[in-house]
Protein backbone atom coordinates (compact mmCIF):
# COMPACT_ATOMS: atom_id res chain seq x y z
CA MET A 1 82.78 114.38 143.94
CA SER A 2 82.29 114.97 140.14
CA ARG A 3 81.19 118.26 139.10
CA PHE A 4 79.19 116.84 136.56
CA ALA A 5 75.50 115.89 137.20
CA SER A 6 75.58 113.06 135.06
CA LYS A 7 78.04 110.69 133.07
CA ARG A 8 76.26 112.10 130.02
CA GLU A 9 77.23 115.48 130.91
CA GLU A 10 80.72 114.83 131.76
CA ARG A 11 81.16 112.87 128.38
CA GLN A 12 79.54 116.02 126.49
CA TYR A 13 81.89 118.41 128.15
CA TYR A 14 85.00 116.53 127.23
CA GLU A 15 84.12 115.59 123.83
CA GLN A 16 82.56 119.06 122.82
CA GLU A 17 84.10 121.65 124.92
CA ALA A 18 87.23 120.54 126.38
CA SER A 19 90.72 120.73 124.55
CA GLU A 20 92.00 117.54 122.78
CA VAL A 21 94.60 117.11 125.42
CA GLU A 22 92.21 117.22 128.18
CA PHE A 23 89.77 114.78 126.46
CA LEU A 24 92.31 112.29 125.68
CA LYS A 25 93.49 112.33 129.40
CA TRP A 26 89.84 111.84 130.38
CA TYR A 27 89.24 109.24 127.78
CA HIS A 28 91.86 106.88 128.82
CA GLN A 29 91.10 107.19 132.47
CA GLN A 30 87.68 105.66 131.61
CA ASP A 31 86.28 102.23 131.44
CA HIS A 32 84.72 101.55 127.96
CA PRO A 33 82.58 98.45 128.30
CA GLU A 34 80.30 99.64 125.45
CA TYR A 35 83.62 99.57 123.08
CA GLU A 36 85.14 96.06 123.52
CA LYS A 37 88.35 95.92 121.64
CA PRO A 38 88.85 93.12 118.89
CA SER A 39 92.18 91.41 118.19
CA LEU A 40 93.87 92.26 115.05
CA THR A 41 95.35 89.70 112.56
CA VAL A 42 96.91 89.63 109.04
CA ASP A 43 96.75 86.91 106.42
CA ILE A 44 98.44 86.74 103.23
CA VAL A 45 97.52 85.12 99.83
CA LEU A 46 100.96 84.41 98.07
CA MET A 47 100.77 83.19 94.64
CA CYS A 48 104.00 81.90 92.53
CA TYR A 49 104.33 80.46 88.98
CA ASN A 50 106.53 77.86 88.12
CA LYS A 51 107.60 78.06 84.55
CA GLU A 52 108.89 74.65 84.11
CA GLU A 53 105.94 72.88 85.54
CA ASP A 54 103.60 75.24 84.01
CA GLN A 55 101.79 75.57 87.65
CA LEU A 56 100.09 78.30 89.39
CA LYS A 57 100.69 77.93 93.08
CA LEU A 58 99.57 79.00 96.59
CA LEU A 59 101.45 79.21 99.79
CA LEU A 60 99.87 77.34 102.79
CA ILE A 61 100.98 76.34 106.14
CA LYS A 62 99.85 73.23 108.45
CA ARG A 63 98.83 74.84 111.90
CA LYS A 64 100.81 73.42 114.80
CA GLY A 65 98.57 74.15 117.51
CA HIS A 66 94.76 75.06 118.39
CA PRO A 67 92.71 76.26 117.08
CA TYR A 68 92.48 74.25 113.74
CA ARG A 69 95.51 72.11 114.56
CA ASN A 70 96.93 70.22 111.68
CA SER A 71 94.52 72.39 109.40
CA TRP A 72 95.93 74.03 106.18
CA ALA A 73 95.90 77.86 106.50
CA LEU A 74 97.18 80.89 105.02
CA PRO A 75 100.42 82.44 106.63
CA GLY A 76 99.53 85.12 108.95
CA GLY A 77 99.32 86.14 112.55
CA PHE A 78 98.46 88.74 115.40
CA VAL A 79 99.39 92.32 114.59
CA MET A 80 101.94 93.71 117.39
CA PRO A 81 100.86 97.09 118.93
CA ASN A 82 104.15 98.71 117.47
CA GLU A 83 103.47 97.73 113.90
CA SER A 84 101.11 98.41 110.97
CA THR A 85 99.22 95.58 109.22
CA GLY A 86 101.56 95.73 106.28
CA GLU A 87 104.75 95.38 108.44
CA SER A 88 103.07 92.57 110.53
CA VAL A 89 102.33 90.67 107.22
CA LEU A 90 106.01 90.83 106.02
CA ARG A 91 107.18 89.54 109.42
CA GLU A 92 104.65 86.81 109.79
CA THR A 93 105.42 85.49 106.55
CA LYS A 94 109.08 85.42 107.04
CA GLU A 95 108.57 83.90 110.48
CA GLU A 96 106.17 81.00 109.28
CA THR A 97 107.72 80.21 105.80
CA GLY A 98 111.04 81.82 105.30
CA VAL A 99 109.89 83.75 102.53
CA VAL A 100 110.88 87.54 102.32
CA ILE A 101 108.83 89.87 100.57
CA SER A 102 108.74 93.57 100.43
CA LYS A 103 106.30 96.22 100.93
CA GLN A 104 106.36 97.00 97.36
CA ASN A 105 105.34 93.21 96.76
CA ILE A 106 101.80 93.39 98.66
CA GLU A 107 98.84 94.93 98.14
CA GLN A 108 95.89 94.87 100.70
CA LEU A 109 93.10 92.79 99.54
CA HIS A 110 90.02 92.94 102.05
CA THR A 111 89.18 93.16 105.82
CA PHE A 112 87.22 90.07 107.12
CA SER A 113 85.34 90.58 110.20
CA THR A 114 82.38 88.25 110.32
CA PRO A 115 81.60 87.68 114.04
CA ASN A 116 82.61 84.29 115.10
CA ARG A 117 84.98 83.50 112.25
CA ASP A 118 87.73 82.83 114.78
CA PRO A 119 86.75 80.46 117.76
CA ARG A 120 89.29 82.47 120.23
CA GLY A 121 86.93 85.31 120.11
CA TRP A 122 86.32 88.80 118.47
CA VAL A 123 89.37 88.86 115.77
CA VAL A 124 89.16 90.99 112.64
CA THR A 125 91.79 90.09 110.07
CA VAL A 126 93.15 92.42 107.17
CA SER A 127 94.18 90.25 104.36
CA TYR A 128 97.09 90.79 101.63
CA LEU A 129 97.95 89.60 98.34
CA ALA A 130 101.25 89.26 96.57
CA PHE A 131 103.10 87.67 93.70
CA ILE A 132 106.57 86.11 93.56
CA GLY A 133 108.76 83.54 92.01
CA GLU A 134 108.71 80.17 93.83
CA GLU A 135 110.91 80.35 96.75
CA PRO A 136 112.48 77.49 99.05
CA LEU A 137 110.21 77.21 102.35
CA ILE A 138 111.11 76.95 106.01
CA ALA A 139 108.52 76.09 108.48
CA GLY A 140 108.54 78.49 111.49
CA ASP A 141 107.52 78.27 114.99
CA ASP A 142 103.71 78.26 114.42
CA ALA A 143 103.81 76.24 111.15
CA LYS A 144 104.23 72.56 111.31
CA GLU A 145 104.49 72.13 107.60
CA VAL A 146 104.71 74.85 104.91
CA SER A 147 104.25 74.08 101.06
CA TRP A 148 103.59 75.42 97.53
CA PHE A 149 99.84 73.98 96.74
CA THR A 150 99.32 73.53 93.05
CA MET A 151 96.31 75.97 92.17
CA LYS A 152 94.00 74.78 89.20
CA ARG A 153 90.71 76.22 88.13
CA VAL A 154 88.11 73.63 86.65
CA GLY A 155 85.06 75.34 85.50
CA HIS A 156 83.90 76.99 88.80
CA LYS A 157 85.99 74.79 91.11
CA LEU A 158 89.39 75.78 92.41
CA ILE A 159 91.45 73.05 93.31
CA LEU A 160 94.31 72.93 95.60
CA THR A 161 96.80 70.04 95.51
CA ASP A 162 100.02 68.85 97.28
CA GLU A 163 100.94 65.06 97.15
CA ASP A 164 97.90 63.33 98.62
CA VAL A 165 96.19 66.36 99.91
CA GLU A 166 93.46 67.99 97.77
CA ILE A 167 91.30 70.96 98.58
CA ARG A 168 88.32 72.03 96.55
CA LEU A 169 86.74 75.42 96.85
CA ASP A 170 83.70 76.78 94.77
CA LEU A 171 84.52 80.33 93.11
CA ASN A 172 80.75 80.93 93.03
CA ASN A 173 80.01 79.99 96.62
CA PRO A 174 82.91 80.29 99.28
CA ALA A 175 80.91 78.63 102.02
CA ALA A 176 80.37 75.18 99.86
CA ASP A 177 83.75 73.54 100.21
CA ASP A 178 83.33 70.05 98.69
CA TYR A 179 86.11 68.49 100.43
CA LYS A 180 88.36 69.96 102.90
CA LEU A 181 88.00 73.14 104.44
CA LEU A 182 90.99 75.61 105.04
CA ALA A 183 91.28 76.89 108.69
CA PHE A 184 89.08 79.90 109.97
CA ASP A 185 87.56 81.53 106.86
CA HIS A 186 90.65 81.23 104.57
CA SER A 187 88.72 79.66 101.79
CA GLN A 188 86.73 82.77 101.40
CA ILE A 189 90.09 84.96 101.59
CA VAL A 190 91.86 82.69 99.02
CA LEU A 191 88.64 82.95 96.64
CA LYS A 192 88.71 86.68 97.20
CA ALA A 193 92.08 86.84 95.76
CA PHE A 194 91.44 84.47 92.91
CA ASN A 195 88.50 86.06 91.73
CA ARG A 196 90.17 89.62 91.90
CA VAL A 197 93.02 88.65 90.05
CA ALA A 198 90.75 87.06 87.35
CA ASN A 199 88.38 90.14 87.01
CA LYS A 200 91.18 92.66 86.92
CA MET A 201 94.29 91.24 85.41
CA GLU A 202 93.38 92.40 81.46
CA HIS A 203 93.69 96.00 82.74
CA GLU A 204 95.71 95.32 86.04
CA PRO A 205 97.94 92.69 85.23
CA GLN A 206 100.23 92.93 88.34
CA VAL A 207 99.65 88.99 88.67
CA LEU A 208 102.66 88.89 85.95
CA GLN A 209 104.98 89.36 88.71
CA VAL A 210 104.96 85.58 89.34
CA LEU A 211 106.82 85.41 85.89
CA GLY A 212 110.01 87.33 87.43
CA LYS A 213 111.57 90.26 86.06
CA ASP A 214 110.85 89.75 82.38
CA PHE A 215 108.63 87.23 80.23
CA THR A 216 107.45 86.35 76.83
CA ILE A 217 103.88 86.93 75.50
CA THR A 218 103.31 83.13 75.65
CA GLU A 219 104.33 82.92 79.12
CA ALA A 220 102.09 85.85 80.01
CA ARG A 221 99.13 84.00 78.12
CA LYS A 222 99.86 80.78 80.25
CA VAL A 223 99.43 82.70 83.57
CA PHE A 224 96.22 84.37 82.38
CA ALA A 225 95.00 80.88 81.23
CA LYS A 226 95.40 79.52 84.70
CA PHE A 227 92.98 82.07 86.17
CA LEU A 228 90.55 81.57 83.23
CA GLY A 229 90.63 77.76 83.42
CA VAL A 230 91.44 77.55 79.60
CA ASP A 231 94.12 75.93 77.56
CA TYR A 232 96.67 78.97 77.01
CA LYS A 233 96.53 78.16 73.15
CA SER A 234 92.92 79.30 73.26
CA ILE A 235 94.08 82.79 73.90
CA ASP A 236 94.87 84.40 70.61
CA HIS A 237 98.61 85.39 70.72
CA SER A 238 98.15 88.36 68.29
CA ASN A 239 94.89 89.67 69.80
CA PHE A 240 96.43 89.29 73.70
CA LYS A 241 99.38 90.99 72.45
CA LYS A 242 97.86 93.96 70.83
CA ALA A 243 95.51 94.27 74.08
CA MET A 244 98.15 94.08 76.66
CA LEU A 245 101.18 95.87 75.16
CA GLN A 246 100.12 99.27 76.55
CA TYR A 247 100.90 97.64 79.93
CA PHE A 248 104.39 96.32 78.86
CA ASP A 249 107.85 97.57 78.00
CA GLU A 250 109.87 95.49 75.51
CA ILE A 251 113.55 95.12 76.86
CA GLY A 252 114.97 92.47 74.64
CA GLU A 253 115.02 89.13 73.04
CA ARG A 254 115.36 85.58 74.34
CA PRO A 255 116.68 82.44 72.67
CA VAL A 256 114.09 80.02 72.27
CA GLY A 257 115.88 77.04 70.32
CA ILE A 258 115.25 76.55 66.50
CA GLY A 259 113.62 79.78 64.97
CA ARG A 260 113.57 83.29 65.74
CA PRO A 261 114.20 84.53 69.27
CA SER A 262 111.30 85.55 71.33
CA LYS A 263 110.93 89.17 72.41
CA ILE A 264 110.66 89.73 76.08
CA TYR A 265 108.80 92.03 78.18
CA LYS A 266 108.55 93.76 81.81
CA LEU A 267 105.50 95.40 83.42
CA LYS A 268 105.57 99.18 82.84
CA ALA A 269 106.51 101.09 86.31
CA THR A 270 103.30 102.43 86.55
CA ILE A 271 101.51 99.29 86.74
């Protein structure tokens, strides 16, 4: 027979009077119907830039199984009990796409927890953002296909294309996809990432990591232009250089054919 007059009295004792060891032992013996446990997943927005094609790209997988079978989605999956969300996103990216990234490459983007975002039940996802150079891809167990989609801004539209597939997203209204939805709420995650980069790149230009270890001012202008949806020539070279040099270290020169070589830069270590 319980020594407490009520469940409320018992709970109050263990929460407010017992030792933490006693509380935890008691807590794990209880049923907690009022505290249902969600599943936890991760998703990653992985961007690259192809210098030869002058194209900004986004990594997507085609889902092999339900839910959203045969739909395009961001790489990701369920977090295992023995790993952090950061460790999980590195593992899932490698398993699904063959791309290896490090903890230094990723930044946490946003937690998406809208009810019914996943038809399997209560699933909360922690999204991440990373910038890398374009790498070859290998579809993993949960991916039917994996591809670098060209990502182009036209006005307030973000257009993702790969061969005969076109996905149109509205930068001002994530729920107003014109043509073809990504799986789950991944269109909202992509738009969240794109808008974050566009809004922060002038004072946090980590996106230039897509250019590799070094870059010219012209290459940096081209990447910025992709997020602004303009021709890079409309971004004044001198003004851009003057504004951004506080974030760059000059490390040498690169021959560019006829004429003077171009100066090359890298992001400051503190960026």
